[in-house]
Amino acid sequence: MGQKQRDSSAVQLQDSNDLSASPQFKRIGAGQQLKESAVRVAQQIKSFVNYLNPSNPPRPGGRAVLPQTVAAQCGEDKVVVTVKRDLFGIGQLIKASDVSLGSCGVTRQDDATQSVIFEARLQECGSTLMVLL
């Protein structure tokens, strides 16, 4: 009986080898499978989110141009941070209550530019002063 069991195992192994040699069951390395899977997922996410605007086309070479939605102006004693309400560039506006600068809330809103603005002294909002040498 032990010999019969080995023979059937050999047949099963041979059958699986035959399948892997056929075109529809072509073997691909694990790394290649992961890469292809990641590319498919990235394409699905990209089409789902559709964060590119028609006025913001991809750069040559296939790299996407990401929207510039946060700007900071640093002064001697304060910082002004402007955040576009379309924070992710997908057409969904955030609420002023959804964002903060550390412990500080929005100082004002600019409806003309659809932005929220934070103005804070450099040592406010939970920031820490550090001297780098």
N, C-alpha and C. Protein backbone atom coordinates (compact mmCIF):
# COMPACT_ATOMS: atom_id res chain seq x y z
N MET A 1 0.82 -1.19 0.00
CA MET A 1 0.00 0.00 0.00
C MET A 1 0.86 1.25 0.00
N GLY A 2 2.00 1.22 0.71
CA GLY A 2 2.91 2.36 0.75
C GLY A 2 3.39 2.72 -0.65
N GLN A 3 3.66 1.72 -1.48
CA GLN A 3 4.12 1.97 -2.85
C GLN A 3 3.03 2.62 -3.68
N LYS A 4 1.77 2.14 -3.52
CA LYS A 4 0.65 2.71 -4.27
C LYS A 4 0.46 4.18 -3.92
N GLN A 5 0.62 4.52 -2.64
CA GLN A 5 0.43 5.90 -2.19
C GLN A 5 1.50 6.79 -2.82
N ARG A 6 2.73 6.32 -2.87
CA ARG A 6 3.80 7.09 -3.49
C ARG A 6 3.53 7.29 -4.96
N ASP A 7 3.03 6.25 -5.64
CA ASP A 7 2.76 6.37 -7.07
C ASP A 7 1.69 7.41 -7.34
N SER A 8 0.61 7.44 -6.54
CA SER A 8 -0.44 8.42 -6.77
C SER A 8 0.07 9.83 -6.47
N SER A 9 0.97 9.98 -5.49
CA SER A 9 1.55 11.29 -5.21
C SER A 9 2.39 11.75 -6.38
N ALA A 10 3.12 10.84 -6.96
CA ALA A 10 3.95 11.19 -8.11
C ALA A 10 3.08 11.61 -9.28
N VAL A 11 1.93 10.94 -9.45
CA VAL A 11 1.01 11.30 -10.53
C VAL A 11 0.45 12.69 -10.29
N GLN A 12 0.06 12.97 -9.03
CA GLN A 12 -0.47 14.30 -8.72
C GLN A 12 0.58 15.37 -8.97
N LEU A 13 1.82 15.10 -8.58
CA LEU A 13 2.90 16.05 -8.79
C LEU A 13 3.12 16.26 -10.28
N GLN A 14 3.09 15.17 -11.04
CA GLN A 14 3.28 15.28 -12.49
C GLN A 14 2.15 16.09 -13.10
N ASP A 15 0.90 15.86 -12.65
CA ASP A 15 -0.24 16.60 -13.19
C ASP A 15 -0.10 18.09 -12.92
N SER A 16 0.34 18.46 -11.72
CA SER A 16 0.48 19.88 -11.41
C SER A 16 1.61 20.50 -12.23
N ASN A 17 2.65 19.74 -12.51
CA ASN A 17 3.72 20.25 -13.36
C ASN A 17 3.22 20.47 -14.78
N ASP A 18 2.37 19.57 -15.27
CA ASP A 18 1.81 19.74 -16.61
C ASP A 18 0.97 21.01 -16.68
N LEU A 19 0.18 21.28 -15.64
CA LEU A 19 -0.66 22.48 -15.61
C LEU A 19 0.19 23.74 -15.63
N SER A 20 1.27 23.73 -14.84
CA SER A 20 2.08 24.93 -14.76
C SER A 20 2.82 25.20 -16.07
N ALA A 21 3.01 24.17 -16.88
CA ALA A 21 3.68 24.36 -18.15
C ALA A 21 2.72 24.89 -19.22
N SER A 22 1.42 24.72 -19.01
CA SER A 22 0.47 25.21 -20.01
C SER A 22 0.38 26.73 -19.94
N PRO A 23 0.06 27.40 -21.06
CA PRO A 23 0.08 28.87 -21.11
C PRO A 23 -0.82 29.54 -20.09
N GLN A 24 -2.03 28.98 -19.83
CA GLN A 24 -2.94 29.66 -18.91
C GLN A 24 -2.50 29.56 -17.46
N PHE A 25 -1.60 28.65 -17.13
CA PHE A 25 -1.11 28.50 -15.77
C PHE A 25 0.39 28.81 -15.68
N LYS A 26 0.86 29.72 -16.50
CA LYS A 26 2.27 30.08 -16.52
C LYS A 26 2.69 30.59 -15.14
N ARG A 27 3.77 30.08 -14.64
CA ARG A 27 4.25 30.49 -13.31
C ARG A 27 4.89 31.87 -13.39
N ILE A 28 4.59 32.66 -12.39
CA ILE A 28 5.22 33.97 -12.24
C ILE A 28 5.81 34.01 -10.85
N GLY A 29 7.01 34.56 -10.71
CA GLY A 29 7.64 34.65 -9.40
C GLY A 29 6.79 35.45 -8.44
N ALA A 30 6.96 35.19 -7.15
CA ALA A 30 6.17 35.88 -6.12
C ALA A 30 6.39 37.38 -6.17
N GLY A 31 7.62 37.81 -6.40
CA GLY A 31 7.90 39.25 -6.49
C GLY A 31 7.17 39.89 -7.65
N GLN A 32 7.15 39.21 -8.79
CA GLN A 32 6.46 39.74 -9.97
C GLN A 32 4.95 39.80 -9.72
N GLN A 33 4.40 38.78 -9.05
CA GLN A 33 2.97 38.79 -8.74
C GLN A 33 2.62 39.95 -7.83
N LEU A 34 3.44 40.18 -6.81
CA LEU A 34 3.19 41.30 -5.90
C LEU A 34 3.26 42.63 -6.64
N LYS A 35 4.24 42.76 -7.52
CA LYS A 35 4.39 44.00 -8.28
C LYS A 35 3.16 44.23 -9.16
N GLU A 36 2.73 43.21 -9.87
CA GLU A 36 1.56 43.35 -10.73
C GLU A 36 0.30 43.66 -9.92
N SER A 37 0.17 43.02 -8.77
CA SER A 37 -0.97 43.28 -7.90
C SER A 37 -0.94 44.72 -7.40
N ALA A 38 0.22 45.20 -7.01
CA ALA A 38 0.35 46.59 -6.53
C ALA A 38 0.01 47.58 -7.64
N VAL A 39 0.44 47.29 -8.85
CA VAL A 39 0.14 48.18 -9.98
C VAL A 39 -1.36 48.21 -10.23
N ARG A 40 -2.02 47.04 -10.18
CA ARG A 40 -3.47 47.00 -10.37
C ARG A 40 -4.20 47.80 -9.30
N VAL A 41 -3.79 47.62 -8.04
CA VAL A 41 -4.42 48.35 -6.94
C VAL A 41 -4.21 49.84 -7.10
N ALA A 42 -3.00 50.24 -7.45
CA ALA A 42 -2.71 51.67 -7.64
C ALA A 42 -3.57 52.25 -8.77
N GLN A 43 -3.74 51.50 -9.85
CA GLN A 43 -4.58 51.97 -10.95
C GLN A 43 -6.04 52.09 -10.52
N GLN A 44 -6.51 51.14 -9.72
CA GLN A 44 -7.89 51.20 -9.24
C GLN A 44 -8.09 52.39 -8.31
N ILE A 45 -7.13 52.61 -7.42
CA ILE A 45 -7.24 53.76 -6.51
C ILE A 45 -7.20 55.05 -7.30
N LYS A 46 -6.31 55.12 -8.26
CA LYS A 46 -6.18 56.34 -9.06
C LYS A 46 -7.47 56.64 -9.81
N SER A 47 -8.08 55.62 -10.38
CA SER A 47 -9.33 55.87 -11.11
C SER A 47 -10.47 56.17 -10.15
N PHE A 48 -10.45 55.57 -8.95
CA PHE A 48 -11.50 55.83 -7.97
C PHE A 48 -11.41 57.25 -7.43
N VAL A 49 -10.23 57.64 -7.01
CA VAL A 49 -10.05 58.96 -6.43
C VAL A 49 -10.10 60.04 -7.50
N ASN A 50 -9.50 59.78 -8.65
CA ASN A 50 -9.46 60.72 -9.77
C ASN A 50 -9.06 62.11 -9.29
N TYR A 51 -7.90 62.18 -8.65
CA TYR A 51 -7.46 63.44 -8.08
C TYR A 51 -6.84 64.39 -9.10
N LEU A 52 -6.61 63.93 -10.30
CA LEU A 52 -6.05 64.82 -11.31
C LEU A 52 -7.14 65.66 -11.95
N ASN A 53 -6.92 66.94 -12.03
CA ASN A 53 -7.84 67.83 -12.72
C ASN A 53 -7.47 67.86 -14.20
N PRO A 54 -8.43 68.14 -15.10
CA PRO A 54 -8.07 68.27 -16.51
C PRO A 54 -7.04 69.38 -16.72
N SER A 55 -7.05 70.40 -15.86
CA SER A 55 -6.08 71.49 -15.99
C SER A 55 -4.75 71.14 -15.34
N ASN A 56 -4.63 69.96 -14.76
CA ASN A 56 -3.43 69.54 -14.05
C ASN A 56 -2.99 68.17 -14.57
N PRO A 57 -2.55 68.09 -15.86
CA PRO A 57 -2.24 66.80 -16.47
C PRO A 57 -0.97 66.18 -15.90
N PRO A 58 -0.80 64.85 -16.08
CA PRO A 58 0.42 64.21 -15.61
C PRO A 58 1.64 64.74 -16.34
N ARG A 59 2.77 64.71 -15.68
CA ARG A 59 4.03 65.13 -16.30
C ARG A 59 4.53 64.03 -17.21
N PRO A 60 5.37 64.38 -18.19
CA PRO A 60 5.99 63.33 -19.00
C PRO A 60 6.75 62.37 -18.10
N GLY A 61 6.70 61.11 -18.43
CA GLY A 61 7.34 60.12 -17.59
C GLY A 61 6.37 59.43 -16.66
N GLY A 62 5.08 59.81 -16.72
CA GLY A 62 4.06 59.11 -15.97
C GLY A 62 3.87 59.57 -14.54
N ARG A 63 4.60 60.55 -14.07
CA ARG A 63 4.43 61.01 -12.69
C ARG A 63 3.29 62.01 -12.61
N ALA A 64 2.45 61.84 -11.61
CA ALA A 64 1.31 62.73 -11.42
C ALA A 64 1.77 64.05 -10.80
N VAL A 65 1.08 65.10 -11.14
CA VAL A 65 1.33 66.40 -10.53
C VAL A 65 0.37 66.53 -9.36
N LEU A 66 0.90 66.58 -8.17
CA LEU A 66 0.05 66.67 -6.98
C LEU A 66 -0.35 68.12 -6.73
N PRO A 67 -1.57 68.31 -6.28
CA PRO A 67 -2.02 69.68 -6.02
C PRO A 67 -1.25 70.31 -4.86
N GLN A 68 -0.97 71.59 -4.98
CA GLN A 68 -0.29 72.34 -3.91
C GLN A 68 -1.37 72.96 -3.05
N THR A 69 -1.67 72.37 -1.91
CA THR A 69 -2.82 72.81 -1.12
C THR A 69 -2.45 73.42 0.23
N VAL A 70 -1.18 73.37 0.60
CA VAL A 70 -0.76 73.95 1.88
C VAL A 70 0.44 74.85 1.62
N ALA A 71 0.37 76.08 2.16
CA ALA A 71 1.49 77.02 2.04
C ALA A 71 1.76 77.63 3.40
N ALA A 72 3.03 77.88 3.70
CA ALA A 72 3.40 78.49 4.98
C ALA A 72 4.30 79.69 4.72
N GLN A 73 4.01 80.77 5.43
CA GLN A 73 4.85 81.97 5.39
C GLN A 73 5.39 82.18 6.79
N CYS A 74 6.70 82.15 6.91
CA CYS A 74 7.32 82.28 8.23
C CYS A 74 7.84 83.70 8.41
N GLY A 75 7.51 84.29 9.55
CA GLY A 75 8.03 85.60 9.92
C GLY A 75 8.96 85.45 11.11
N GLU A 76 9.43 86.57 11.63
CA GLU A 76 10.35 86.52 12.76
C GLU A 76 9.69 85.94 14.00
N ASP A 77 8.41 86.24 14.19
CA ASP A 77 7.75 85.79 15.42
C ASP A 77 6.43 85.07 15.19
N LYS A 78 6.03 84.89 13.93
CA LYS A 78 4.78 84.19 13.66
C LYS A 78 4.84 83.42 12.35
N VAL A 79 3.90 82.53 12.20
CA VAL A 79 3.76 81.76 10.97
C VAL A 79 2.31 81.89 10.51
N VAL A 80 2.14 81.99 9.19
CA VAL A 80 0.81 82.02 8.58
C VAL A 80 0.73 80.81 7.65
N VAL A 81 -0.20 79.92 7.94
CA VAL A 81 -0.37 78.70 7.14
C VAL A 81 -1.72 78.79 6.44
N THR A 82 -1.69 78.67 5.12
CA THR A 82 -2.91 78.70 4.31
C THR A 82 -3.16 77.29 3.77
N VAL A 83 -4.37 76.79 3.99
CA VAL A 83 -4.74 75.44 3.56
C VAL A 83 -5.97 75.54 2.67
N LYS A 84 -5.86 75.04 1.44
CA LYS A 84 -7.03 75.02 0.55
C LYS A 84 -8.03 74.02 1.10
N ARG A 85 -9.30 74.40 1.03
CA ARG A 85 -10.34 73.52 1.56
C ARG A 85 -10.46 72.24 0.74
N ASP A 86 -10.02 72.27 -0.51
CA ASP A 86 -9.94 71.06 -1.32
C ASP A 86 -8.56 70.45 -1.05
N LEU A 87 -8.35 70.03 0.18
CA LEU A 87 -7.04 69.64 0.68
C LEU A 87 -6.38 68.54 -0.15
N PHE A 88 -7.14 67.57 -0.60
CA PHE A 88 -6.56 66.44 -1.34
C PHE A 88 -6.68 66.59 -2.85
N GLY A 89 -7.24 67.70 -3.31
CA GLY A 89 -7.37 67.93 -4.74
C GLY A 89 -8.36 67.01 -5.41
N ILE A 90 -9.42 66.60 -4.68
CA ILE A 90 -10.39 65.65 -5.24
C ILE A 90 -11.78 66.26 -5.34
N GLY A 91 -11.89 67.56 -5.07
CA GLY A 91 -13.19 68.22 -5.19
C GLY A 91 -14.03 68.19 -3.93
N GLN A 92 -13.56 67.57 -2.87
CA GLN A 92 -14.28 67.50 -1.60
C GLN A 92 -13.70 68.55 -0.66
N LEU A 93 -14.51 69.53 -0.27
CA LEU A 93 -14.04 70.59 0.61
C LEU A 93 -14.07 70.14 2.06
N ILE A 94 -13.01 70.44 2.79
CA ILE A 94 -12.97 70.14 4.22
C ILE A 94 -13.65 71.26 4.99
N LYS A 95 -14.06 70.95 6.21
CA LYS A 95 -14.63 71.97 7.09
C LYS A 95 -13.49 72.56 7.91
N ALA A 96 -13.64 73.82 8.30
CA ALA A 96 -12.62 74.46 9.14
C ALA A 96 -12.43 73.69 10.44
N SER A 97 -13.48 73.09 10.94
CA SER A 97 -13.39 72.34 12.20
C SER A 97 -12.66 71.00 12.03
N ASP A 98 -12.41 70.58 10.79
CA ASP A 98 -11.73 69.31 10.54
C ASP A 98 -10.21 69.41 10.63
N VAL A 99 -9.66 70.63 10.64
CA VAL A 99 -8.21 70.79 10.63
C VAL A 99 -7.76 71.68 11.78
N SER A 100 -6.51 71.48 12.17
CA SER A 100 -5.93 72.33 13.21
C SER A 100 -4.43 72.43 12.96
N LEU A 101 -3.83 73.41 13.56
CA LEU A 101 -2.38 73.57 13.53
C LEU A 101 -1.92 73.32 14.96
N GLY A 102 -1.54 72.09 15.24
CA GLY A 102 -1.25 71.71 16.62
C GLY A 102 -2.52 71.86 17.44
N SER A 103 -2.44 72.65 18.50
CA SER A 103 -3.61 72.87 19.35
C SER A 103 -4.43 74.08 18.92
N CYS A 104 -4.02 74.78 17.87
CA CYS A 104 -4.72 75.99 17.41
C CYS A 104 -5.70 75.67 16.29
N GLY A 105 -6.85 76.31 16.37
CA GLY A 105 -7.85 76.18 15.32
C GLY A 105 -7.64 77.21 14.23
N VAL A 106 -8.51 77.20 13.25
CA VAL A 106 -8.46 78.13 12.13
C VAL A 106 -8.66 79.55 12.64
N THR A 107 -7.84 80.49 12.15
CA THR A 107 -7.96 81.90 12.53
C THR A 107 -9.04 82.58 11.71
N ARG A 108 -9.04 82.29 10.39
CA ARG A 108 -10.06 82.87 9.51
C ARG A 108 -10.20 82.03 8.26
N GLN A 109 -11.29 82.29 7.53
CA GLN A 109 -11.54 81.62 6.26
C GLN A 109 -11.54 82.64 5.15
N ASP A 110 -11.05 82.24 3.99
CA ASP A 110 -11.08 83.10 2.81
C ASP A 110 -11.97 82.40 1.78
N ASP A 111 -13.22 82.87 1.69
CA ASP A 111 -14.18 82.23 0.78
C ASP A 111 -13.80 82.42 -0.68
N ALA A 112 -13.13 83.52 -1.00
CA ALA A 112 -12.74 83.79 -2.39
C ALA A 112 -11.78 82.73 -2.91
N THR A 113 -10.85 82.30 -2.07
CA THR A 113 -9.87 81.29 -2.49
C THR A 113 -10.19 79.90 -1.94
N GLN A 114 -11.31 79.77 -1.25
CA GLN A 114 -11.71 78.51 -0.61
C GLN A 114 -10.57 77.95 0.24
N SER A 115 -10.07 78.81 1.13
CA SER A 115 -8.95 78.45 2.00
C SER A 115 -9.28 78.73 3.45
N VAL A 116 -8.59 78.04 4.34
CA VAL A 116 -8.61 78.37 5.76
C VAL A 116 -7.21 78.83 6.12
N ILE A 117 -7.13 79.76 7.08
CA ILE A 117 -5.84 80.37 7.40
C ILE A 117 -5.59 80.24 8.90
N PHE A 118 -4.38 79.83 9.22
CA PHE A 118 -3.92 79.77 10.60
C PHE A 118 -2.86 80.84 10.77
N GLU A 119 -2.98 81.64 11.79
CA GLU A 119 -1.93 82.60 12.15
C GLU A 119 -1.57 82.32 13.60
N ALA A 120 -0.30 82.08 13.84
CA ALA A 120 0.12 81.75 15.20
C ALA A 120 1.53 82.26 15.47
N ARG A 121 1.75 82.65 16.69
CA ARG A 121 3.11 83.00 17.11
C ARG A 121 3.93 81.71 17.10
N LEU A 122 5.21 81.84 16.93
CA LEU A 122 6.06 80.66 16.75
C LEU A 122 6.05 79.69 17.93
N GLN A 123 5.79 80.17 19.12
CA GLN A 123 5.82 79.28 20.28
C GLN A 123 4.42 78.95 20.78
N GLU A 124 3.41 79.12 19.94
CA GLU A 124 2.04 78.74 20.29
C GLU A 124 1.70 77.40 19.65
N CYS A 125 0.52 76.94 19.91
CA CYS A 125 -0.06 75.74 19.27
C CYS A 125 0.69 74.46 19.63
N GLY A 126 1.41 74.47 20.73
CA GLY A 126 2.11 73.26 21.14
C GLY A 126 3.48 73.10 20.52
N SER A 127 3.98 74.13 19.84
CA SER A 127 5.31 74.01 19.24
C SER A 127 6.39 74.22 20.31
N THR A 128 7.58 73.78 20.00
CA THR A 128 8.69 73.88 20.94
C THR A 128 9.85 74.59 20.27
N LEU A 129 10.50 75.47 20.98
CA LEU A 129 11.66 76.18 20.46
C LEU A 129 12.88 75.29 20.60
N MET A 130 13.62 75.13 19.49
CA MET A 130 14.84 74.33 19.50
C MET A 130 15.93 75.10 18.78
N VAL A 131 17.13 75.04 19.30
CA VAL A 131 18.28 75.64 18.64
C VAL A 131 19.12 74.51 18.08
N LEU A 132 19.31 74.52 16.77
CA LEU A 132 20.11 73.48 16.11
C LEU A 132 21.52 73.99 15.90
N LEU A 133 22.47 73.21 16.29
CA LEU A 133 23.88 73.61 16.14
C LEU A 133 24.51 72.91 14.98
